[in-house]
Amino acid sequence: MSEPDGVPIDDDLNVVDENADTAIDRVMHSLPGAMTGAAMTGLAKGMGMWVEPEEVAVIREAGAPPPDPNDPIEVSIDPDHPENTRIVFHVHAPADEPPSRN
């Protein structure tokens, strides 16, 4: 198989067009593209079709931090039994005030 000029066509050759994305980039990053996008967003909001994008939560596994004796909050999380999760707040009286009598 060959082209009209007599050059053979290699079917196994992968051709990548590096200029394919530049046309859409010119529209997206130009003033008319920004105005069109803003107008479309305004129309969607006006017709009640706008949905706020959800913020994606990033969850990472991490080990427990080293215990800090000065930390007033103690958290104990049981992932297998969430009902056993505990949060304890340690309230200490200031050192310069005498303890109150109740």
PDB file of N, CA and C in Angstrom:
ATOM      1  N   MET A   1       0.845  -1.170   0.000  1.00  0.00           N
ATOM      2  CA  MET A   1       0.000   0.000   0.000  1.00  0.00           C
ATOM      3  C   MET A   1       0.890   1.232   0.000  1.00  0.00           C
ATOM      4  N   SER A   2       0.554   2.242  -0.810  1.00  0.00           N
ATOM      5  CA  SER A   2       1.367   3.451  -0.872  1.00  0.00           C
ATOM      6  C   SER A   2       0.474   4.655  -1.120  1.00  0.00           C
ATOM      7  N   GLU A   3       0.992   5.809  -0.767  1.00  0.00           N
ATOM      8  CA  GLU A   3       0.276   7.057  -0.998  1.00  0.00           C
ATOM      9  C   GLU A   3       0.399   7.437  -2.469  1.00  0.00           C
ATOM     10  N   PRO A   4      -0.360   8.462  -2.908  1.00  0.00           N
ATOM     11  CA  PRO A   4      -0.314   8.837  -4.324  1.00  0.00           C
ATOM     12  C   PRO A   4       1.079   9.267  -4.798  1.00  0.00           C
ATOM     13  N   ASP A   5       1.925   9.767  -3.906  1.00  0.00           N
ATOM     14  CA  ASP A   5       3.251  10.203  -4.347  1.00  0.00           C
ATOM     15  C   ASP A   5       4.244   9.046  -4.405  1.00  0.00           C
ATOM     16  N   GLY A   6       3.793   7.831  -4.111  1.00  0.00           N
ATOM     17  CA  GLY A   6       4.645   6.668  -4.228  1.00  0.00           C
ATOM     18  C   GLY A   6       5.358   6.283  -2.940  1.00  0.00           C
ATOM     19  N   VAL A   7       5.160   7.021  -1.862  1.00  0.00           N
ATOM     20  CA  VAL A   7       5.801   6.700  -0.590  1.00  0.00           C
ATOM     21  C   VAL A   7       4.989   5.610   0.091  1.00  0.00           C
ATOM     22  N   PRO A   8       5.640   4.509   0.487  1.00  0.00           N
ATOM     23  CA  PRO A   8       4.890   3.425   1.144  1.00  0.00           C
ATOM     24  C   PRO A   8       4.364   3.868   2.510  1.00  0.00           C
ATOM     25  N   ILE A   9       3.169   3.361   2.864  1.00  0.00           N
ATOM     26  CA  ILE A   9       2.545   3.674   4.148  1.00  0.00           C
ATOM     27  C   ILE A   9       2.855   2.539   5.109  1.00  0.00           C
ATOM     28  N   ASP A  10       3.386   2.892   6.264  1.00  0.00           N
ATOM     29  CA  ASP A  10       3.686   1.899   7.295  1.00  0.00           C
ATOM     30  C   ASP A  10       2.497   1.873   8.261  1.00  0.00           C
ATOM     31  N   ASP A  11       1.722   0.770   8.272  1.00  0.00           N
ATOM     32  CA  ASP A  11       0.546   0.665   9.129  1.00  0.00           C
ATOM     33  C   ASP A  11       0.901   0.527  10.606  1.00  0.00           C
ATOM     34  N   ASP A  12       2.120   0.085  10.916  1.00  0.00           N
ATOM     35  CA  ASP A  12       2.524  -0.108  12.300  1.00  0.00           C
ATOM     36  C   ASP A  12       3.048   1.173  12.937  1.00  0.00           C
ATOM     37  N   LEU A  13       3.135   2.246  12.190  1.00  0.00           N
ATOM     38  CA  LEU A  13       3.679   3.491  12.690  1.00  0.00           C
ATOM     39  C   LEU A  13       2.619   4.234  13.501  1.00  0.00           C
ATOM     40  N   ASN A  14       2.941   4.572  14.749  1.00  0.00           N
ATOM     41  CA  ASN A  14       2.032   5.337  15.606  1.00  0.00           C
ATOM     42  C   ASN A  14       2.344   6.813  15.434  1.00  0.00           C
ATOM     43  N   VAL A  15       1.375   7.565  14.966  1.00  0.00           N
ATOM     44  CA  VAL A  15       1.560   8.992  14.749  1.00  0.00           C
ATOM     45  C   VAL A  15       0.830   9.744  15.848  1.00  0.00           C
ATOM     46  N   VAL A  16       1.540  10.660  16.500  1.00  0.00           N
ATOM     47  CA  VAL A  16       0.962  11.471  17.559  1.00  0.00           C
ATOM     48  C   VAL A  16       0.946  12.911  17.087  1.00  0.00           C
ATOM     49  N   ASP A  17      -0.236  13.506  17.068  1.00  0.00           N
ATOM     50  CA  ASP A  17      -0.365  14.909  16.681  1.00  0.00           C
ATOM     51  C   ASP A  17      -0.169  15.755  17.930  1.00  0.00           C
ATOM     52  N   GLU A  18       0.955  16.445  18.011  1.00  0.00           N
ATOM     53  CA  GLU A  18       1.257  17.233  19.200  1.00  0.00           C
ATOM     54  C   GLU A  18       0.494  18.545  19.239  1.00  0.00           C
ATOM     55  N   ASN A  19      -0.129  18.950  18.141  1.00  0.00           N
ATOM     56  CA  ASN A  19      -0.865  20.207  18.091  1.00  0.00           C
ATOM     57  C   ASN A  19      -2.359  20.013  18.303  1.00  0.00           C
ATOM     58  N   ALA A  20      -2.800  18.812  18.658  1.00  0.00           N
ATOM     59  CA  ALA A  20      -4.236  18.532  18.762  1.00  0.00           C
ATOM     60  C   ALA A  20      -4.882  19.315  19.896  1.00  0.00           C
ATOM     61  N   ASP A  21      -4.206  19.503  21.012  1.00  0.00           N
ATOM     62  CA  ASP A  21      -4.820  20.145  22.169  1.00  0.00           C
ATOM     63  C   ASP A  21      -4.671  21.661  22.154  1.00  0.00           C
ATOM     64  N   THR A  22      -3.902  22.219  21.257  1.00  0.00           N
ATOM     65  CA  THR A  22      -3.666  23.660  21.303  1.00  0.00           C
ATOM     66  C   THR A  22      -4.909  24.463  20.944  1.00  0.00           C
ATOM     67  N   ALA A  23      -5.754  23.969  20.054  1.00  0.00           N
ATOM     68  CA  ALA A  23      -6.951  24.724  19.672  1.00  0.00           C
ATOM     69  C   ALA A  23      -7.900  24.863  20.855  1.00  0.00           C
ATOM     70  N   ILE A  24      -8.148  23.801  21.588  1.00  0.00           N
ATOM     71  CA  ILE A  24      -9.047  23.879  22.735  1.00  0.00           C
ATOM     72  C   ILE A  24      -8.408  24.687  23.851  1.00  0.00           C
ATOM     73  N   ASP A  25      -7.082  24.604  23.999  1.00  0.00           N
ATOM     74  CA  ASP A  25      -6.409  25.414  25.011  1.00  0.00           C
ATOM     75  C   ASP A  25      -6.539  26.895  24.698  1.00  0.00           C
ATOM     76  N   ARG A  26      -6.482  27.255  23.419  1.00  0.00           N
ATOM     77  CA  ARG A  26      -6.631  28.667  23.047  1.00  0.00           C
ATOM     78  C   ARG A  26      -8.014  29.175  23.407  1.00  0.00           C
ATOM     79  N   VAL A  27      -9.029  28.338  23.263  1.00  0.00           N
ATOM     80  CA  VAL A  27     -10.386  28.763  23.586  1.00  0.00           C
ATOM     81  C   VAL A  27     -10.573  28.827  25.100  1.00  0.00           C
ATOM     82  N   MET A  28     -10.081  27.829  25.813  1.00  0.00           N
ATOM     83  CA  MET A  28     -10.294  27.761  27.255  1.00  0.00           C
ATOM     84  C   MET A  28      -9.552  28.864  28.002  1.00  0.00           C
ATOM     85  N   HIS A  29      -8.383  29.253  27.524  1.00  0.00           N
ATOM     86  CA  HIS A  29      -7.557  30.224  28.238  1.00  0.00           C
ATOM     87  C   HIS A  29      -7.612  31.600  27.592  1.00  0.00           C
ATOM     88  N   SER A  30      -8.712  31.922  26.946  1.00  0.00           N
ATOM     89  CA  SER A  30      -8.855  33.232  26.338  1.00  0.00           C
ATOM     90  C   SER A  30     -10.025  33.957  26.985  1.00  0.00           C
ATOM     91  N   LEU A  31     -10.105  35.250  26.754  1.00  0.00           N
ATOM     92  CA  LEU A  31     -11.204  36.039  27.312  1.00  0.00           C
ATOM     93  C   LEU A  31     -12.565  35.576  26.779  1.00  0.00           C
ATOM     94  N   PRO A  32     -12.723  35.351  25.468  1.00  0.00           N
ATOM     95  CA  PRO A  32     -14.032  34.853  25.009  1.00  0.00           C
ATOM     96  C   PRO A  32     -14.387  33.490  25.602  1.00  0.00           C
ATOM     97  N   GLY A  33     -13.402  32.621  25.787  1.00  0.00           N
ATOM     98  CA  GLY A  33     -13.677  31.318  26.394  1.00  0.00           C
ATOM     99  C   GLY A  33     -14.111  31.459  27.834  1.00  0.00           C
ATOM    100  N   ALA A  34     -13.461  32.361  28.569  1.00  0.00           N
ATOM    101  CA  ALA A  34     -13.837  32.584  29.966  1.00  0.00           C
ATOM    102  C   ALA A  34     -15.234  33.199  30.067  1.00  0.00           C
ATOM    103  N   MET A  35     -15.535  34.140  29.154  1.00  0.00           N
ATOM    104  CA  MET A  35     -16.861  34.759  29.175  1.00  0.00           C
ATOM    105  C   MET A  35     -17.947  33.756  28.813  1.00  0.00           C
ATOM    106  N   THR A  36     -17.677  32.885  27.860  1.00  0.00           N
ATOM    107  CA  THR A  36     -18.650  31.857  27.483  1.00  0.00           C
ATOM    108  C   THR A  36     -18.902  30.904  28.639  1.00  0.00           C
ATOM    109  N   GLY A  37     -17.828  30.497  29.313  1.00  0.00           N
ATOM    110  CA  GLY A  37     -17.975  29.601  30.463  1.00  0.00           C
ATOM    111  C   GLY A  37     -18.764  30.246  31.584  1.00  0.00           C
ATOM    112  N   ALA A  38     -18.489  31.526  31.847  1.00  0.00           N
ATOM    113  CA  ALA A  38     -19.221  32.232  32.898  1.00  0.00           C
ATOM    114  C   ALA A  38     -20.694  32.375  32.528  1.00  0.00           C
ATOM    115  N   ALA A  39     -20.962  32.643  31.246  1.00  0.00           N
ATOM    116  CA  ALA A  39     -22.357  32.772  30.811  1.00  0.00           C
ATOM    117  C   ALA A  39     -23.088  31.444  30.937  1.00  0.00           C
ATOM    118  N   MET A  40     -22.432  30.351  30.589  1.00  0.00           N
ATOM    119  CA  MET A  40     -23.074  29.031  30.695  1.00  0.00           C
ATOM    120  C   MET A  40     -23.332  28.672  32.152  1.00  0.00           C
ATOM    121  N   THR A  41     -22.390  29.024  33.035  1.00  0.00           N
ATOM    122  CA  THR A  41     -22.595  28.777  34.459  1.00  0.00           C
ATOM    123  C   THR A  41     -23.753  29.609  34.979  1.00  0.00           C
ATOM    124  N   GLY A  42     -23.837  30.880  34.552  1.00  0.00           N
ATOM    125  CA  GLY A  42     -24.950  31.731  34.973  1.00  0.00           C
ATOM    126  C   GLY A  42     -26.287  31.211  34.499  1.00  0.00           C
ATOM    127  N   LEU A  43     -26.345  30.715  33.276  1.00  0.00           N
ATOM    128  CA  LEU A  43     -27.587  30.131  32.774  1.00  0.00           C
ATOM    129  C   LEU A  43     -27.985  28.898  33.578  1.00  0.00           C
ATOM    130  N   ALA A  44     -27.007  28.058  33.882  1.00  0.00           N
ATOM    131  CA  ALA A  44     -27.307  26.850  34.657  1.00  0.00           C
ATOM    132  C   ALA A  44     -27.829  27.213  36.041  1.00  0.00           C
ATOM    133  N   LYS A  45     -27.227  28.232  36.674  1.00  0.00           N
ATOM    134  CA  LYS A  45     -27.711  28.662  37.992  1.00  0.00           C
ATOM    135  C   LYS A  45     -29.110  29.265  37.891  1.00  0.00           C
ATOM    136  N   GLY A  46     -29.352  30.046  36.837  1.00  0.00           N
ATOM    137  CA  GLY A  46     -30.654  30.678  36.668  1.00  0.00           C
ATOM    138  C   GLY A  46     -31.764  29.684  36.418  1.00  0.00           C
ATOM    139  N   MET A  47     -31.458  28.601  35.738  1.00  0.00           N
ATOM    140  CA  MET A  47     -32.475  27.586  35.444  1.00  0.00           C
ATOM    141  C   MET A  47     -32.558  26.534  36.540  1.00  0.00           C
ATOM    142  N   GLY A  48     -31.759  26.678  37.585  1.00  0.00           N
ATOM    143  CA  GLY A  48     -31.814  25.742  38.702  1.00  0.00           C
ATOM    144  C   GLY A  48     -31.139  24.415  38.426  1.00  0.00           C
ATOM    145  N   MET A  49     -30.258  24.375  37.444  1.00  0.00           N
ATOM    146  CA  MET A  49     -29.571  23.117  37.123  1.00  0.00           C
ATOM    147  C   MET A  49     -28.165  23.068  37.694  1.00  0.00           C
ATOM    148  N   TRP A  50     -27.755  24.107  38.411  1.00  0.00           N
ATOM    149  CA  TRP A  50     -26.394  24.168  38.948  1.00  0.00           C
ATOM    150  C   TRP A  50     -26.296  23.327  40.206  1.00  0.00           C
ATOM    151  N   VAL A  51     -25.291  22.504  40.280  1.00  0.00           N
ATOM    152  CA  VAL A  51     -25.019  21.688  41.457  1.00  0.00           C
ATOM    153  C   VAL A  51     -23.629  22.058  41.935  1.00  0.00           C
ATOM    154  N   GLU A  52     -23.531  22.441  43.211  1.00  0.00           N
ATOM    155  CA  GLU A  52     -22.221  22.792  43.757  1.00  0.00           C
ATOM    156  C   GLU A  52     -21.314  21.566  43.715  1.00  0.00           C
ATOM    157  N   PRO A  53     -20.077  21.737  43.258  1.00  0.00           N
ATOM    158  CA  PRO A  53     -19.170  20.595  43.247  1.00  0.00           C
ATOM    159  C   PRO A  53     -18.831  20.173  44.669  1.00  0.00           C
ATOM    160  N   GLU A  54     -18.761  18.869  44.863  1.00  0.00           N
ATOM    161  CA  GLU A  54     -18.455  18.347  46.194  1.00  0.00           C
ATOM    162  C   GLU A  54     -16.958  18.400  46.430  1.00  0.00           C
ATOM    163  N   GLU A  55     -16.595  18.708  47.666  1.00  0.00           N
ATOM    164  CA  GLU A  55     -15.190  18.717  48.023  1.00  0.00           C
ATOM    165  C   GLU A  55     -14.763  17.278  48.321  1.00  0.00           C
ATOM    166  N   VAL A  56     -13.688  16.877  47.720  1.00  0.00           N
ATOM    167  CA  VAL A  56     -13.229  15.507  47.860  1.00  0.00           C
ATOM    168  C   VAL A  56     -12.462  15.364  49.172  1.00  0.00           C
ATOM    169  N   ALA A  57     -12.833  14.366  49.957  1.00  0.00           N
ATOM    170  CA  ALA A  57     -12.130  14.098  51.200  1.00  0.00           C
ATOM    171  C   ALA A  57     -10.930  13.217  50.922  1.00  0.00           C
ATOM    172  N   VAL A  58      -9.823  13.577  51.527  1.00  0.00           N
ATOM    173  CA  VAL A  58      -8.605  12.783  51.386  1.00  0.00           C
ATOM    174  C   VAL A  58      -8.429  12.015  52.691  1.00  0.00           C
ATOM    175  N   ILE A  59      -8.436  10.702  52.583  1.00  0.00           N
ATOM    176  CA  ILE A  59      -8.311   9.850  53.758  1.00  0.00           C
ATOM    177  C   ILE A  59      -7.022   9.061  53.636  1.00  0.00           C
ATOM    178  N   ARG A  60      -6.194   9.158  54.657  1.00  0.00           N
ATOM    179  CA  ARG A  60      -4.928   8.425  54.658  1.00  0.00           C
ATOM    180  C   ARG A  60      -4.817   7.610  55.943  1.00  0.00           C
ATOM    181  N   GLU A  61      -4.215   6.465  55.806  1.00  0.00           N
ATOM    182  CA  GLU A  61      -3.947   5.648  56.986  1.00  0.00           C
ATOM    183  C   GLU A  61      -2.706   6.216  57.673  1.00  0.00           C
ATOM    184  N   ALA A  62      -2.782   6.362  58.983  1.00  0.00           N
ATOM    185  CA  ALA A  62      -1.644   6.863  59.743  1.00  0.00           C
ATOM    186  C   ALA A  62      -1.629   6.174  61.099  1.00  0.00           C
ATOM    187  N   GLY A  63      -0.457   6.037  61.619  1.00  0.00           N
ATOM    188  CA  GLY A  63      -0.320   5.443  62.938  1.00  0.00           C
ATOM    189  C   GLY A  63      -0.654   6.463  64.017  1.00  0.00           C
ATOM    190  N   ALA A  64      -0.754   5.997  65.234  1.00  0.00           N
ATOM    191  CA  ALA A  64      -1.057   6.877  66.355  1.00  0.00           C
ATOM    192  C   ALA A  64       0.156   7.739  66.665  1.00  0.00           C
ATOM    193  N   PRO A  65      -0.070   9.012  67.029  1.00  0.00           N
ATOM    194  CA  PRO A  65       1.063   9.853  67.402  1.00  0.00           C
ATOM    195  C   PRO A  65       1.617   9.405  68.751  1.00  0.00           C
ATOM    196  N   PRO A  66       2.839   9.760  69.046  1.00  0.00           N
ATOM    197  CA  PRO A  66       3.380   9.385  70.360  1.00  0.00           C
ATOM    198  C   PRO A  66       2.605  10.085  71.470  1.00  0.00           C
ATOM    199  N   PRO A  67       2.417   9.442  72.613  1.00  0.00           N
ATOM    200  CA  PRO A  67       1.632  10.055  73.697  1.00  0.00           C
ATOM    201  C   PRO A  67       2.321  11.309  74.232  1.00  0.00           C
ATOM    202  N   ASP A  68       1.526  12.328  74.509  1.00  0.00           N
ATOM    203  CA  ASP A  68       2.032  13.586  75.054  1.00  0.00           C
ATOM    204  C   ASP A  68       1.382  13.804  76.407  1.00  0.00           C
ATOM    205  N   PRO A  69       2.150  13.815  77.492  1.00  0.00           N
ATOM    206  CA  PRO A  69       1.535  13.972  78.818  1.00  0.00           C
ATOM    207  C   PRO A  69       0.903  15.352  79.019  1.00  0.00           C
ATOM    208  N   ASN A  70       1.287  16.345  78.241  1.00  0.00           N
ATOM    209  CA  ASN A  70       0.731  17.689  78.387  1.00  0.00           C
ATOM    210  C   ASN A  70      -0.501  17.918  77.518  1.00  0.00           C
ATOM    211  N   ASP A  71      -0.871  16.942  76.699  1.00  0.00           N
ATOM    212  CA  ASP A  71      -2.023  17.096  75.813  1.00  0.00           C
ATOM    213  C   ASP A  71      -3.303  16.895  76.626  1.00  0.00           C
ATOM    214  N   PRO A  72      -4.213  17.898  76.633  1.00  0.00           N
ATOM    215  CA  PRO A  72      -5.425  17.757  77.443  1.00  0.00           C
ATOM    216  C   PRO A  72      -6.489  16.853  76.806  1.00  0.00           C
ATOM    217  N   ILE A  73      -6.272  16.407  75.563  1.00  0.00           N
ATOM    218  CA  ILE A  73      -7.261  15.576  74.888  1.00  0.00           C
ATOM    219  C   ILE A  73      -6.674  14.191  74.650  1.00  0.00           C
ATOM    220  N   GLU A  74      -7.413  13.189  75.079  1.00  0.00           N
ATOM    221  CA  GLU A  74      -7.003  11.797  74.872  1.00  0.00           C
ATOM    222  C   GLU A  74      -8.058  11.132  73.987  1.00  0.00           C
ATOM    223  N   VAL A  75      -7.620  10.611  72.828  1.00  0.00           N
ATOM    224  CA  VAL A  75      -8.537   9.990  71.876  1.00  0.00           C
ATOM    225  C   VAL A  75      -8.152   8.537  71.708  1.00  0.00           C
ATOM    226  N   SER A  76      -9.127   7.664  71.860  1.00  0.00           N
ATOM    227  CA  SER A  76      -8.925   6.232  71.656  1.00  0.00           C
ATOM    228  C   SER A  76      -9.975   5.766  70.652  1.00  0.00           C
ATOM    229  N   ILE A  77      -9.519   5.407  69.440  1.00  0.00           N
ATOM    230  CA  ILE A  77     -10.432   5.024  68.365  1.00  0.00           C
ATOM    231  C   ILE A  77     -10.338   3.524  68.139  1.00  0.00           C
ATOM    232  N   ASP A  78     -11.482   2.869  68.125  1.00  0.00           N
ATOM    233  CA  ASP A  78     -11.552   1.442  67.837  1.00  0.00           C
ATOM    234  C   ASP A  78     -12.256   1.282  66.489  1.00  0.00           C
ATOM    235  N   PRO A  79     -11.489   1.052  65.380  1.00  0.00           N
ATOM    236  CA  PRO A  79     -12.125   0.973  64.062  1.00  0.00           C
ATOM    237  C   PRO A  79     -13.042  -0.241  63.903  1.00  0.00           C
ATOM    238  N   ASP A  80     -12.769  -1.310  64.635  1.00  0.00           N
ATOM    239  CA  ASP A  80     -13.604  -2.505  64.521  1.00  0.00           C
ATOM    240  C   ASP A  80     -14.932  -2.341  65.252  1.00  0.00           C
ATOM    241  N   HIS A  81     -14.921  -1.606  66.358  1.00  0.00           N
ATOM    242  CA  HIS A  81     -16.129  -1.366  67.154  1.00  0.00           C
ATOM    243  C   HIS A  81     -16.208   0.129  67.445  1.00  0.00           C
ATOM    244  N   PRO A  82     -16.814   0.914  66.540  1.00  0.00           N
ATOM    245  CA  PRO A  82     -16.865   2.361  66.746  1.00  0.00           C
ATOM    246  C   PRO A  82     -17.575   2.782  68.027  1.00  0.00           C
ATOM    247  N   GLU A  83     -18.443   1.939  68.556  1.00  0.00           N
ATOM    248  CA  GLU A  83     -19.131   2.298  69.794  1.00  0.00           C
ATOM    249  C   GLU A  83     -18.176   2.336  70.979  1.00  0.00           C
ATOM    250  N   ASN A  84     -16.974   1.755  70.840  1.00  0.00           N
ATOM    251  CA  ASN A  84     -15.979   1.768  71.909  1.00  0.00           C
ATOM    252  C   ASN A  84     -14.994   2.931  71.778  1.00  0.00           C
ATOM    253  N   THR A  85     -15.211   3.833  70.845  1.00  0.00           N
ATOM    254  CA  THR A  85     -14.335   4.984  70.680  1.00  0.00           C
ATOM    255  C   THR A  85     -14.533   5.939  71.844  1.00  0.00           C
ATOM    256  N   ARG A  86     -13.406   6.450  72.384  1.00  0.00           N
ATOM    257  CA  ARG A  86     -13.476   7.349  73.540  1.00  0.00           C
ATOM    258  C   ARG A  86     -12.706   8.627  73.254  1.00  0.00           C
ATOM    259  N   ILE A  87     -13.251   9.746  73.739  1.00  0.00           N
ATOM    260  CA  ILE A  87     -12.558  11.027  73.728  1.00  0.00           C
ATOM    261  C   ILE A  87     -12.645  11.572  75.139  1.00  0.00           C
ATOM    262  N   VAL A  88     -11.497  11.817  75.745  1.00  0.00           N
ATOM    263  CA  VAL A  88     -11.442  12.280  77.133  1.00  0.00           C
ATOM    264  C   VAL A  88     -10.747  13.635  77.153  1.00  0.00           C
ATOM    265  N   PHE A  89     -11.384  14.622  77.791  1.00  0.00           N
ATOM    266  CA  PHE A  89     -10.794  15.941  77.981  1.00  0.00           C
ATOM    267  C   PHE A  89     -10.307  16.031  79.420  1.00  0.00           C
ATOM    268  N   HIS A  90      -9.018  16.268  79.611  1.00  0.00           N
ATOM    269  CA  HIS A  90      -8.442  16.432  80.949  1.00  0.00           C
ATOM    270  C   HIS A  90      -8.409  17.921  81.264  1.00  0.00           C
ATOM    271  N   VAL A  91      -9.157  18.317  82.284  1.00  0.00           N
ATOM    272  CA  VAL A  91      -9.211  19.715  82.688  1.00  0.00           C
ATOM    273  C   VAL A  91      -8.383  19.856  83.952  1.00  0.00           C
ATOM    274  N   HIS A  92      -7.357  20.699  83.881  1.00  0.00           N
ATOM    275  CA  HIS A  92      -6.479  20.924  85.034  1.00  0.00           C
ATOM    276  C   HIS A  92      -6.726  22.338  85.550  1.00  0.00           C
ATOM    277  N   ALA A  93      -6.754  22.471  86.867  1.00  0.00           N
ATOM    278  CA  ALA A  93      -6.910  23.794  87.470  1.00  0.00           C
ATOM    279  C   ALA A  93      -5.604  24.557  87.285  1.00  0.00           C
ATOM    280  N   PRO A  94      -5.696  25.866  87.028  1.00  0.00           N
ATOM    281  CA  PRO A  94      -4.464  26.651  86.915  1.00  0.00           C
ATOM    282  C   PRO A  94      -3.664  26.586  88.205  1.00  0.00           C
ATOM    283  N   ALA A  95      -2.353  26.619  88.101  1.00  0.00           N
ATOM    284  CA  ALA A  95      -1.472  26.448  89.266  1.00  0.00           C
ATOM    285  C   ALA A  95      -1.525  27.638  90.207  1.00  0.00           C
ATOM    286  N   ASP A  96      -1.833  28.859  89.713  1.00  0.00           N
ATOM    287  CA  ASP A  96      -1.818  30.036  90.580  1.00  0.00           C
ATOM    288  C   ASP A  96      -3.133  30.252  91.326  1.00  0.00           C
ATOM    289  N   GLU A  97      -4.184  29.519  91.014  1.00  0.00           N
ATOM    290  CA  GLU A  97      -5.451  29.640  91.714  1.00  0.00           C
ATOM    291  C   GLU A  97      -5.676  28.436  92.621  1.00  0.00           C
ATOM    292  N   PRO A  98      -6.179  28.674  93.849  1.00  0.00           N
ATOM    293  CA  PRO A  98      -6.474  27.525  94.701  1.00  0.00           C
ATOM    294  C   PRO A  98      -7.688  26.776  94.164  1.00  0.00           C
ATOM    295  N   PRO A  99      -7.781  25.476  94.395  1.00  0.00           N
ATOM    296  CA  PRO A  99      -8.937  24.723  93.929  1.00  0.00           C
ATOM    297  C   PRO A  99     -10.214  25.219  94.598  1.00  0.00           C
ATOM    298  N   SER A 100     -11.298  25.230  93.859  1.00  0.00           N
ATOM    299  CA  SER A 100     -12.562  25.714  94.417  1.00  0.00           C
ATOM    300  C   SER A 100     -13.199  24.636  95.275  1.00  0.00           C
ATOM    301  N   ARG A 101     -13.976  25.104  96.304  1.00  0.00           N
ATOM    302  CA  ARG A 101     -14.670  24.155  97.178  1.00  0.00           C
ATOM    303  C   ARG A 101     -16.111  24.033  96.713  1.00  0.00           C
ATOM    304  N   ASN A 102     -16.489  22.831  96.360  1.00  0.00           N
ATOM    305  CA  ASN A 102     -17.869  22.576  95.933  1.00  0.00           C
ATOM    306  C   ASN A 102     -18.547  21.659  96.892  1.00  0.00           C
TER     307      ASN A 102
END
